Protein backbone atom coordinates (compact mmCIF):
# COMPACT_ATOMS: atom_id res chain seq x y z
CA MET A 1 -6.15 1.50 139.32
CA ASN A 2 -2.42 1.49 138.61
CA THR A 3 -0.05 -1.05 137.18
CA ARG A 4 1.19 -1.98 140.66
CA SER A 5 -2.18 -3.19 141.90
CA SER A 6 -2.41 -6.91 142.54
CA PRO A 7 -4.45 -9.07 140.14
CA SER A 8 -8.11 -9.25 141.15
CA SER A 9 -10.96 -11.46 140.01
CA THR A 10 -13.34 -8.62 140.96
CA ALA A 11 -11.73 -6.08 138.62
CA PRO A 12 -13.93 -4.84 135.76
CA LEU A 13 -14.01 -7.09 132.69
CA ALA A 14 -13.22 -5.84 129.18
CA ILE A 15 -13.84 -7.90 126.05
CA VAL A 16 -11.57 -7.10 123.11
CA THR A 17 -12.07 -8.65 119.68
CA GLY A 18 -9.19 -8.85 117.23
CA ALA A 19 -6.88 -9.02 120.23
CA SER A 20 -4.08 -11.09 118.71
CA SER A 21 -2.31 -8.14 117.06
CA GLY A 22 -2.42 -4.46 116.21
CA ILE A 23 -4.94 -2.16 117.87
CA GLY A 24 -6.60 -5.04 119.71
CA LYS A 25 -3.40 -6.30 121.28
CA ALA A 26 -2.25 -2.79 122.21
CA THR A 27 -5.64 -1.98 123.71
CA ALA A 28 -5.85 -5.20 125.72
CA THR A 29 -2.37 -4.50 127.07
CA ALA A 30 -3.28 -0.92 128.03
CA LEU A 31 -6.48 -2.12 129.71
CA ALA A 32 -4.63 -4.74 131.76
CA HIS A 33 -2.21 -2.06 132.95
CA ALA A 34 -5.20 0.15 133.80
CA GLY A 35 -6.68 -2.54 136.05
CA TYR A 36 -9.11 -4.38 133.78
CA ARG A 37 -9.50 -8.11 133.47
CA THR A 38 -9.51 -8.99 129.78
CA LEU A 39 -11.30 -11.53 127.64
CA LEU A 40 -9.28 -11.79 124.43
CA ILE A 41 -11.00 -12.83 121.20
CA ALA A 42 -9.37 -13.65 117.85
CA ARG A 43 -8.72 -16.62 115.56
CA ARG A 44 -5.02 -17.14 116.33
CA GLU A 45 -5.07 -19.23 119.49
CA ASP A 46 -1.30 -19.36 120.01
CA ARG A 47 -0.98 -15.58 119.99
CA LEU A 48 -4.01 -15.13 122.24
CA ARG A 49 -2.72 -17.53 124.85
CA GLU A 50 0.71 -15.92 124.84
CA LEU A 51 -0.83 -12.48 125.31
CA ALA A 52 -3.21 -13.71 128.03
CA ALA A 53 -0.26 -15.14 129.94
CA GLN A 54 1.57 -11.81 129.74
CA LEU A 55 -1.43 -9.73 130.79
CA SER A 56 -2.28 -12.01 133.71
CA ALA A 57 0.73 -10.58 135.52
CA HIS A 58 -1.39 -7.42 135.90
CA GLN A 59 -4.99 -8.67 135.93
CA PRO A 60 -6.61 -12.01 135.00
CA SER A 61 -6.75 -12.49 131.25
CA VAL A 62 -8.46 -15.25 129.28
CA ALA A 63 -7.90 -16.29 125.67
CA LEU A 64 -11.09 -17.16 123.79
CA PRO A 65 -10.26 -18.34 120.26
CA LEU A 66 -13.21 -17.49 118.02
CA ASP A 67 -13.63 -16.94 114.29
CA LEU A 68 -16.03 -14.02 113.88
CA GLU A 69 -16.75 -15.11 110.32
CA ASP A 70 -18.65 -18.05 111.83
CA ALA A 71 -21.87 -16.26 112.74
CA ALA A 72 -23.56 -19.43 114.03
CA ILE A 73 -21.40 -19.76 117.14
CA ILE A 74 -20.69 -16.19 118.30
CA GLU A 75 -23.52 -15.43 120.71
CA GLU A 76 -23.53 -18.85 122.36
CA THR A 77 -19.74 -18.77 122.77
CA ILE A 78 -19.81 -15.34 124.41
CA ALA A 79 -22.76 -16.26 126.64
CA ASN A 80 -20.89 -19.34 127.88
CA ALA A 81 -17.75 -17.33 128.55
CA LEU A 82 -19.62 -14.66 130.51
CA SER A 83 -21.38 -17.30 132.59
CA VAL A 84 -17.92 -18.27 133.83
CA HIS A 85 -16.15 -14.91 134.02
CA GLY A 86 -19.04 -12.61 134.89
CA PRO A 87 -20.68 -9.74 133.00
CA ALA A 88 -18.73 -7.46 130.71
CA ASP A 89 -18.10 -3.90 131.82
CA VAL A 90 -16.52 -2.93 128.49
CA LEU A 91 -16.94 -4.32 124.98
CA ILE A 92 -14.49 -3.25 122.29
CA ASN A 93 -15.43 -4.43 118.81
CA ASN A 94 -12.10 -4.15 117.03
CA ALA A 95 -11.73 -7.22 114.81
CA GLY A 96 -11.15 -6.38 111.17
CA ALA A 97 -10.74 -7.75 107.68
CA SER A 98 -10.34 -6.03 104.35
CA ILE A 99 -8.92 -5.94 100.89
CA CYS A 100 -7.74 -2.94 98.94
CA LYS A 101 -8.95 -3.06 95.35
CA PRO A 102 -11.34 -1.08 93.14
CA MET A 103 -14.97 -1.99 93.75
CA LEU A 104 -15.49 -4.27 90.75
CA TRP A 105 -12.46 -6.31 91.79
CA GLN A 106 -14.12 -7.05 95.10
CA SER A 107 -16.40 -10.09 94.89
CA MET A 108 -19.73 -10.53 96.62
CA GLU A 109 -17.96 -13.01 98.89
CA ASP A 110 -15.50 -10.25 99.84
CA HIS A 111 -18.35 -7.89 100.69
CA HIS A 112 -20.22 -10.49 102.75
CA ARG A 113 -17.07 -11.50 104.66
CA ILE A 114 -16.07 -7.94 105.47
CA MET A 115 -19.59 -6.97 106.51
CA GLN A 116 -19.80 -10.04 108.74
CA VAL A 117 -16.53 -9.35 110.57
CA HIS A 118 -16.98 -5.59 110.97
CA TYR A 119 -20.73 -5.22 111.37
CA PHE A 120 -22.77 -8.38 111.91
CA ALA A 121 -20.27 -9.92 114.33
CA ALA A 122 -20.26 -6.64 116.28
CA VAL A 123 -24.06 -6.74 116.43
CA GLN A 124 -23.89 -10.29 117.76
CA MET A 125 -21.33 -9.31 120.37
CA ILE A 126 -23.60 -6.46 121.43
CA HIS A 127 -26.63 -8.76 121.68
CA ALA A 128 -24.57 -11.00 123.97
CA THR A 129 -23.39 -8.23 126.30
CA LEU A 130 -25.60 -5.12 126.19
CA PRO A 131 -28.72 -6.51 127.94
CA VAL A 132 -26.78 -7.17 131.14
CA MET A 133 -25.06 -3.78 130.91
CA LEU A 134 -28.49 -2.14 130.74
CA ASP A 135 -29.78 -4.24 133.64
CA ARG A 136 -26.78 -3.20 135.75
CA GLY A 137 -27.01 0.41 134.63
CA LYS A 138 -23.36 0.63 133.68
CA GLY A 139 -20.96 -0.32 130.92
CA HIS A 140 -19.21 1.06 127.88
CA LEU A 141 -19.48 -0.21 124.32
CA ILE A 142 -16.75 0.96 121.94
CA ASN A 143 -16.77 0.20 118.23
CA ILE A 144 -13.53 0.70 116.31
CA ALA A 145 -14.54 2.36 113.07
CA SER A 146 -12.25 4.25 110.69
CA MET A 147 -11.56 7.62 109.16
CA SER A 148 -12.84 6.00 105.97
CA THR A 149 -16.34 6.68 107.34
CA LYS A 150 -15.77 10.38 106.70
CA MET A 151 -15.09 9.86 102.99
CA GLY A 152 -14.50 6.46 101.44
CA PRO A 153 -10.89 6.22 100.23
CA TRP A 154 -9.60 4.50 97.13
CA GLY A 155 -9.98 0.70 97.08
CA HIS A 156 -12.06 0.44 100.28
CA SER A 157 -15.65 0.09 99.07
CA ALA A 158 -16.57 -2.93 101.21
CA TYR A 159 -14.50 -1.84 104.21
CA ALA A 160 -15.75 1.75 104.28
CA ALA A 161 -19.36 0.63 103.87
CA ALA A 162 -19.07 -1.81 106.79
CA LYS A 163 -17.45 0.81 109.01
CA CYS A 164 -20.14 3.36 108.12
CA ALA A 165 -22.76 0.83 109.19
CA LEU A 166 -20.91 0.40 112.50
CA VAL A 167 -20.84 4.15 113.09
CA SER A 168 -24.56 4.52 112.37
CA LEU A 169 -25.30 1.60 114.69
CA THR A 170 -23.33 3.25 117.51
CA GLN A 171 -24.99 6.63 117.02
CA THR A 172 -28.45 5.07 117.07
CA MET A 173 -27.79 2.96 120.18
CA ALA A 174 -26.57 6.09 121.97
CA MET A 175 -30.03 7.55 121.32
CA ASP A 176 -31.95 4.34 122.00
CA TYR A 177 -30.42 3.88 125.44
CA ALA A 178 -29.62 7.44 126.54
CA GLY A 179 -29.86 7.86 130.29
CA LYS A 180 -29.54 4.12 130.99
CA GLY A 181 -26.02 4.33 132.39
CA VAL A 182 -24.29 2.69 129.41
CA HIS A 183 -21.91 4.68 127.23
CA PHE A 184 -21.55 4.23 123.47
CA SER A 185 -18.54 5.38 121.47
CA TYR A 186 -16.89 4.87 118.10
CA VAL A 187 -13.23 5.46 117.35
CA ASN A 188 -12.00 6.58 113.94
CA PRO A 189 -8.29 5.81 113.56
CA GLY A 190 -6.37 6.98 110.55
CA LEU A 191 -3.62 4.81 109.11
CA VAL A 192 -2.23 2.56 111.85
CA GLN A 193 0.96 0.51 111.54
CA THR A 194 -0.45 -3.00 112.00
CA GLU A 195 -0.65 -6.37 110.25
CA PHE A 196 -3.96 -5.21 108.81
CA PHE A 197 -1.97 -3.88 105.87
CA ASP A 198 -0.76 -7.39 105.08
CA ASN A 199 -4.19 -8.01 103.53
CA PRO A 200 -4.50 -8.36 99.72
CA GLY A 201 -3.88 -5.20 97.75
CA TYR A 202 -2.46 -3.08 100.55
CA GLU A 203 1.10 -3.26 99.25
CA VAL A 204 0.22 -0.32 96.99
CA LEU A 205 -0.36 1.83 100.09
CA GLU A 206 2.99 1.03 101.72
CA PRO A 207 4.53 4.45 100.89
CA ILE A 208 1.51 6.23 102.43
CA LEU A 209 1.60 4.01 105.52
CA LYS A 210 5.31 4.71 106.07
CA LYS A 211 4.66 8.44 105.81
CA ARG A 212 1.48 8.82 107.86
CA GLY A 213 1.01 5.61 109.86
CA ILE A 214 0.67 5.88 113.64
CA PRO A 215 1.55 3.19 116.21
CA PRO A 216 -1.37 1.11 117.59
CA GLU A 217 -0.38 2.14 121.12
CA LYS A 218 -1.55 5.67 120.33
CA VAL A 219 -5.03 4.35 119.56
CA ALA A 220 -4.98 2.18 122.68
CA LYS A 221 -4.10 5.18 124.84
CA ALA A 222 -7.05 7.10 123.41
CA ILE A 223 -9.40 4.19 124.11
CA VAL A 224 -8.37 3.95 127.77
CA LYS A 225 -8.81 7.73 128.05
CA LEU A 226 -12.25 7.35 126.49
CA LEU A 227 -13.28 4.95 129.26
CA LYS A 228 -12.42 7.61 131.82
CA LYS A 229 -14.10 10.44 129.91
CA PRO A 230 -16.77 9.00 127.56
CA ARG A 231 -17.47 10.68 124.23
CA LEU A 232 -19.50 9.55 121.25
CA GLU A 233 -16.74 10.02 118.65
CA VAL A 234 -12.96 10.05 118.78
CA CYS A 235 -10.68 10.63 115.77
CA ILE A 236 -7.02 9.65 115.90
CA PRO A 237 -5.09 11.79 115.15
CA ARG A 238 -7.51 14.52 116.27
CA LEU A 239 -6.42 16.72 113.38
CA TYR A 240 -8.34 14.45 111.01
CA ARG A 241 -11.61 15.83 112.37
CA ILE A 242 -10.99 18.76 110.04
CA LEU A 243 -12.33 16.54 107.27
CA ASP A 244 -15.82 17.18 108.69
CA LEU A 245 -15.29 20.87 108.09
CA PHE A 246 -14.09 20.26 104.54
CA LYS A 247 -17.18 18.13 103.87
CA ALA A 248 -19.47 20.82 105.29
CA ILE A 249 -17.92 23.42 103.00
CA SER A 250 -17.74 21.21 99.92
CA PRO A 251 -18.14 17.40 99.73
CA GLN A 252 -16.40 17.51 96.36
CA TRP A 253 -13.44 19.29 97.91
CA ALA A 254 -13.23 16.66 100.66
CA HIS A 255 -13.47 13.94 98.03
CA ARG A 256 -10.52 15.35 96.10
CA ILE A 257 -8.42 15.57 99.26
CA VAL A 258 -9.08 11.96 100.23
CA ALA A 259 -8.59 10.73 96.67
CA LYS A 260 -5.22 12.45 96.44
CA GLY A 261 -4.13 11.02 99.77
CA SER A 262 -5.28 7.44 99.26
CA LYS A 263 -4.97 6.58 95.58
CA PRO A 264 -1.71 4.80 94.70
CA GLN A 265 0.66 6.84 92.61
CA LYS A 266 1.36 5.31 89.20
C-alpha cells in the first residue's frame, strides 16, 4: 500500500507500545504511511491523541493510554481494545525505561521496574495477541531489543539484562511456533537520538550520543522493511553486527571495545 491510499478499516492492524515519542512514534508514523491501521500505546495521553489524529489522515489510528508498569491491567485492556478494533497483524513491543548508573547504584525497585516495562509487559502483550495470530496463521511479532544485548555497556546492568531476556524470549518463540505462519523478530538499535536519554544518569553519555546517535526514523524504516522481508535479528546500524565476530574471537576483546565506547570520560 502507498501513502495515497484512502483510509480503510480493513487495513492490517499494528500495535506499537511506547508510541508517544522516539522509535515508537517514528515507527507508528512509518506504518501508517505504509498502509497499516495503528493502535498506539503509551502513558502520555495528550501526545498519543495528537499522533493518532495525524496518522488517521493515512489510516485509522487509535490512542490507548496505558501504563505498562501496571501489570494488573495490561492483558484485559488489550483484549478489550482488540474486541473493538479486530485482531492484531503486527505487535511491536518498543516501550522502554532505564537509568544509567553503576550496578550498585541501581536499586531493586529500579531492576523490577525496568524488567516489568521491557520484559514482563512484553510477555503480557504477547499473551494478549499471539493466540489469535496463531489461529489465523499469520502475524508478525517484533521486540525492540538493543545492541546492549551483545555486550552489556557501562551503567546498563538492569536495562541490558531485561533486553537480553527479551531477545531470548523471541528466539525461543521462533522455535516454538516455527511453521505456524507467524514471524518473530528482534531489533537491536545502537544509540538513537530520542527522549530515552532524558532518563537519570544519561547526561554523562551526551557526548557519545552526539557523535554516534542515529535518528529514530532510521530504525522505523528498518522495521517496516522487516515486515516485508522477515528476519529473526536486525542490527541498526548493520555495521554493529561485527561485535558478534569480535565476541567469537575474544569475549574479552569485545568487552574492552564496548567499555571504551560506553564509559564516560573523566
